[in-house]
Amino acid sequence: MTVKALFGAGESIKSASSMGKAVRAAERDGISSHGMLYVPTYCEHVKCGKVDGSTNPEVFSGRLSALLVDAKQDLLN
């Protein structure tokens, strides 16, 4: 259901599948505020352009306990 909703909102299938896994993990871990409850908000963020659902973020290795992720979002526009 989550993957279909996100894909329908405009996310790539790869991104929607990844978010689907994250939503399931949040539910499993008892963090419902970032699970199914938040899926409509995730979809709205894609639809309104707040989130680019077709981008491929780059993950850079930082330190052992941290990562740097470039989500390819132009914050100046």
C-alpha atoms as a PDB file:
ATOM      1  CA  MET A   1       0.000   0.000   0.000  1.00  0.00           C
ATOM      2  CA  THR A   2       2.762   2.477   0.896  1.00  0.00           C
ATOM      3  CA  VAL A   3       4.773   1.789  -2.252  1.00  0.00           C
ATOM      4  CA  LYS A   4       1.686   2.172  -4.450  1.00  0.00           C
ATOM      5  CA  ALA A   5       0.731   5.453  -2.763  1.00  0.00           C
ATOM      6  CA  LEU A   6       4.222   6.949  -3.052  1.00  0.00           C
ATOM      7  CA  PHE A   7       4.673   5.765  -6.628  1.00  0.00           C
ATOM      8  CA  GLY A   8       1.279   7.225  -7.471  1.00  0.00           C
ATOM      9  CA  ALA A   9       2.347  10.533  -5.919  1.00  0.00           C
ATOM     10  CA  GLY A  10       5.348  10.686  -8.258  1.00  0.00           C
ATOM     11  CA  GLU A  11       8.216   8.882  -6.545  1.00  0.00           C
ATOM     12  CA  SER A  12      10.370   6.522  -8.547  1.00  0.00           C
ATOM     13  CA  ILE A  13       9.720   2.849  -7.841  1.00  0.00           C
ATOM     14  CA  LYS A  14      13.188   2.573  -6.263  1.00  0.00           C
ATOM     15  CA  SER A  15      12.528   5.472  -3.903  1.00  0.00           C
ATOM     16  CA  ALA A  16       8.980   4.329  -3.116  1.00  0.00           C
ATOM     17  CA  SER A  17      10.246   0.826  -2.294  1.00  0.00           C
ATOM     18  CA  SER A  18      12.916   2.242   0.002  1.00  0.00           C
ATOM     19  CA  MET A  19      10.363   4.419   1.793  1.00  0.00           C
ATOM     20  CA  GLY A  20       8.046   1.434   2.066  1.00  0.00           C
ATOM     21  CA  LYS A  21      10.760  -0.457   3.925  1.00  0.00           C
ATOM     22  CA  ALA A  22      11.382   2.538   6.200  1.00  0.00           C
ATOM     23  CA  VAL A  23       7.664   2.880   6.984  1.00  0.00           C
ATOM     24  CA  ARG A  24       7.398  -0.827   7.812  1.00  0.00           C
ATOM     25  CA  ALA A  25      10.466  -0.586  10.051  1.00  0.00           C
ATOM     26  CA  ALA A  26       9.025   2.440  11.856  1.00  0.00           C
ATOM     27  CA  GLU A  27       5.780   0.564  12.488  1.00  0.00           C
ATOM     28  CA  ARG A  28       7.673  -2.535  13.624  1.00  0.00           C
ATOM     29  CA  ASP A  29       9.729  -0.442  16.025  1.00  0.00           C
ATOM     30  CA  GLY A  30       6.691   1.311  17.479  1.00  0.00           C
ATOM     31  CA  ILE A  31       7.376   4.712  15.874  1.00  0.00           C
ATOM     32  CA  SER A  32       3.958   5.171  14.329  1.00  0.00           C
ATOM     33  CA  SER A  33       4.485   8.922  13.927  1.00  0.00           C
ATOM     34  CA  HIS A  34       6.854   8.102  11.054  1.00  0.00           C
ATOM     35  CA  GLY A  35       5.056   4.982   9.888  1.00  0.00           C
ATOM     36  CA  MET A  36       1.717   4.570   8.138  1.00  0.00           C
ATOM     37  CA  LEU A  37       0.341   7.654   9.864  1.00  0.00           C
ATOM     38  CA  TYR A  38       2.801   9.843   7.950  1.00  0.00           C
ATOM     39  CA  VAL A  39       2.398   8.296   4.468  1.00  0.00           C
ATOM     40  CA  PRO A  40      -0.175  10.891   3.311  1.00  0.00           C
ATOM     41  CA  THR A  41       2.252  13.657   4.317  1.00  0.00           C
ATOM     42  CA  TYR A  42       5.112  11.948   2.470  1.00  0.00           C
ATOM     43  CA  CYS A  43       2.887  11.775  -0.620  1.00  0.00           C
ATOM     44  CA  GLU A  44       1.919  15.435  -0.328  1.00  0.00           C
ATOM     45  CA  HIS A  45       5.592  16.421  -0.042  1.00  0.00           C
ATOM     46  CA  VAL A  46       6.282  14.672  -3.350  1.00  0.00           C
ATOM     47  CA  LYS A  47       3.218  16.146  -5.055  1.00  0.00           C
ATOM     48  CA  CYS A  48       3.962  19.740  -4.002  1.00  0.00           C
ATOM     49  CA  GLY A  49       7.662  19.519  -4.884  1.00  0.00           C
ATOM     50  CA  LYS A  50       9.039  19.712  -1.346  1.00  0.00           C
ATOM     51  CA  VAL A  51      10.609  16.314  -2.002  1.00  0.00           C
ATOM     52  CA  ASP A  52      11.999  15.174  -5.353  1.00  0.00           C
ATOM     53  CA  GLY A  53      10.889  11.560  -5.529  1.00  0.00           C
ATOM     54  CA  SER A  54      12.935  10.831  -8.629  1.00  0.00           C
ATOM     55  CA  THR A  55      16.374  11.900  -7.415  1.00  0.00           C
ATOM     56  CA  ASN A  56      19.153   9.491  -6.520  1.00  0.00           C
ATOM     57  CA  PRO A  57      20.790  10.687  -3.314  1.00  0.00           C
ATOM     58  CA  GLU A  58      24.521  10.200  -2.860  1.00  0.00           C
ATOM     59  CA  VAL A  59      25.761   8.773   0.399  1.00  0.00           C
ATOM     60  CA  PHE A  60      29.271   9.669   1.450  1.00  0.00           C
ATOM     61  CA  SER A  61      31.182   7.889   4.131  1.00  0.00           C
ATOM     62  CA  GLY A  62      31.997  10.233   6.949  1.00  0.00           C
ATOM     63  CA  ARG A  63      33.084   8.809  10.233  1.00  0.00           C
ATOM     64  CA  LEU A  64      32.241   5.503  11.803  1.00  0.00           C
ATOM     65  CA  SER A  65      29.115   6.927  13.411  1.00  0.00           C
ATOM     66  CA  ALA A  66      27.960   9.402  10.750  1.00  0.00           C
ATOM     67  CA  LEU A  67      27.138   9.652   7.054  1.00  0.00           C
ATOM     68  CA  LEU A  68      26.702  12.603   4.735  1.00  0.00           C
ATOM     69  CA  VAL A  69      23.775  12.341   2.318  1.00  0.00           C
ATOM     70  CA  ASP A  70      23.358  14.701  -0.630  1.00  0.00           C
ATOM     71  CA  ALA A  71      19.639  14.584  -1.466  1.00  0.00           C
ATOM     72  CA  LYS A  72      20.203  16.763  -4.546  1.00  0.00           C
ATOM     73  CA  GLN A  73      17.794  19.413  -3.307  1.00  0.00           C
ATOM     74  CA  ASP A  74      18.431  22.966  -4.449  1.00  0.00           C
ATOM     75  CA  LEU A  75      17.497  24.910  -1.321  1.00  0.00           C
ATOM     76  CA  LEU A  76      18.028  28.283  -2.942  1.00  0.00           C
ATOM     77  CA  ASN A  77      14.967  27.986  -5.207  1.00  0.00           C
END
